[in-house]
Protein backbone atom coordinates (compact mmCIF):
# COMPACT_ATOMS: atom_id res chain seq x y z
CA UNK A 1 182.87 -152.53 -61.61
CA UNK A 2 185.11 -150.11 -63.48
CA UNK A 3 187.22 -147.53 -61.70
CA UNK A 4 187.13 -143.84 -62.47
CA UNK A 5 190.59 -144.10 -64.06
CA UNK A 6 189.52 -146.99 -66.30
CA UNK A 7 186.39 -145.14 -67.35
CA UNK A 8 188.01 -141.81 -68.17
CA UNK A 9 190.84 -143.53 -70.04
CA UNK A 10 188.29 -145.53 -72.05
CA UNK A 11 186.27 -142.41 -72.87
CA UNK A 12 189.45 -140.64 -73.97
CA UNK A 13 190.25 -143.59 -76.22
CA UNK A 14 186.73 -143.54 -77.70
CA UNK A 15 187.14 -139.82 -78.36
CA UNK A 16 190.53 -140.29 -80.02
CA UNK A 17 192.68 -138.71 -77.34
CA UNK A 18 194.75 -139.64 -74.30
CA UNK A 19 194.25 -138.74 -70.67
CA UNK A 20 197.49 -136.72 -70.57
CA UNK A 21 196.36 -134.69 -73.59
CA UNK A 22 192.99 -134.06 -71.94
CA UNK A 23 194.55 -133.05 -68.62
CA UNK A 24 197.06 -130.67 -70.23
CA UNK A 25 194.35 -129.28 -72.55
CA UNK A 26 192.36 -128.32 -69.46
CA UNK A 27 195.33 -126.45 -68.01
CA UNK A 28 196.60 -129.01 -65.50
CA UNK A 29 200.05 -130.58 -65.23
CA UNK A 30 200.75 -134.14 -66.27
CA UNK A 31 201.07 -135.05 -62.57
CA UNK A 32 197.24 -134.90 -62.51
CA UNK A 33 197.25 -137.83 -64.99
CA UNK A 34 199.46 -139.85 -62.65
CA UNK A 35 197.22 -139.05 -59.70
CA UNK A 36 194.09 -140.13 -61.61
CA UNK A 37 195.70 -143.37 -62.75
CA UNK A 38 196.67 -144.06 -59.12
CA UNK A 39 193.08 -143.68 -57.93
CA UNK A 40 192.61 -139.98 -57.24
CA UNK A 41 189.24 -138.49 -58.15
CA UNK A 42 189.48 -134.92 -59.48
CA UNK A 43 187.49 -132.06 -57.99
CA UNK A 44 183.99 -131.29 -59.24
CA UNK A 45 185.33 -128.30 -61.19
CA UNK A 46 187.95 -130.51 -62.88
CA UNK A 47 185.40 -133.23 -63.67
CA UNK A 48 183.18 -130.67 -65.36
CA UNK A 49 186.10 -129.35 -67.42
CA UNK A 50 187.02 -132.88 -68.51
CA UNK A 51 183.43 -133.70 -69.45
CA UNK A 52 183.10 -130.49 -71.47
CA UNK A 53 186.35 -131.18 -73.31
CA UNK A 54 185.29 -134.78 -74.05
CA UNK A 55 181.73 -133.76 -74.92
CA UNK A 56 180.25 -136.20 -72.43
CA UNK A 57 178.56 -136.18 -69.04
CA UNK A 58 180.39 -136.33 -65.72
CA UNK A 59 178.28 -139.39 -64.91
CA UNK A 60 179.95 -141.20 -67.83
CA UNK A 61 183.17 -141.19 -65.78
CA UNK A 62 181.42 -143.29 -63.14
CA UNK A 63 179.49 -145.74 -65.36
CA UNK A 64 179.45 -149.28 -64.00
CA UNK A 65 179.76 -151.11 -67.30
CA UNK A 66 181.37 -150.74 -70.69
CA UNK A 67 177.96 -151.11 -72.34
CA UNK A 68 176.75 -147.95 -70.59
CA UNK A 69 179.63 -146.02 -72.15
CA UNK A 70 179.09 -147.59 -75.57
CA UNK A 71 175.47 -146.41 -75.48
CA UNK A 72 176.78 -142.85 -75.40
CA UNK A 73 176.81 -142.75 -79.21
CA UNK A 74 173.47 -142.82 -81.02
CA UNK A 75 172.93 -145.20 -83.93
CA UNK A 76 173.11 -142.23 -86.30
CA UNK A 77 176.47 -141.17 -84.89
CA UNK A 78 177.82 -144.72 -85.18
CA UNK A 79 176.58 -144.87 -88.79
CA UNK A 80 178.25 -141.55 -89.62
CA UNK A 81 181.57 -142.62 -88.15
CA UNK A 82 181.50 -146.01 -89.88
CA UNK A 83 180.53 -144.42 -93.19
CA UNK A 84 183.25 -141.80 -92.87
CA UNK A 85 185.90 -144.43 -92.13
CA UNK A 86 184.97 -146.33 -95.29
CA UNK A 87 185.01 -143.30 -97.62
CA UNK A 88 187.84 -142.49 -100.01
CA UNK A 89 189.81 -139.41 -98.93
CA UNK A 90 188.32 -137.25 -101.69
CA UNK A 91 184.83 -137.89 -100.30
CA UNK A 92 186.00 -137.24 -96.74
CA UNK A 93 187.28 -133.80 -97.79
CA UNK A 94 183.96 -132.96 -99.46
CA UNK A 95 181.98 -134.13 -96.44
CA UNK A 96 184.11 -132.10 -94.04
CA UNK A 97 183.81 -129.01 -96.24
CA UNK A 98 180.02 -129.39 -96.19
CA UNK A 99 180.07 -130.01 -92.44
CA UNK A 100 182.03 -126.79 -91.80
CA UNK A 101 179.66 -124.92 -94.09
CA UNK A 102 176.69 -126.13 -92.03
CA UNK A 103 178.41 -125.08 -88.80
CA UNK A 104 178.89 -121.58 -90.19
CA UNK A 105 175.21 -121.40 -91.20
CA UNK A 106 174.22 -122.26 -87.63
CA UNK A 107 176.21 -119.27 -86.34
CA UNK A 108 174.22 -116.83 -88.50
């Protein structure tokens, strides 16, 4: 069974960040990172902030297995990431420009 610290660190890694960056980005000091890595479980309010920042569910922090966390991404999301990683930079820039354009359209 995975610990909370192992899970949150793994989720951070999957999301391309580090626990310290997450903690500081939520307005807490780096001592919170040390406390988590030593076994402390953050408050409900802090857990919610972390989940929002990582775009995941609080329950993901308490998943029993790695496979449960890996199922977080849909097949479409995995395909998009894999395709993006294999694109030449010129295509990546075009895709991102189109992506930002779509986000703006959603705001209207």
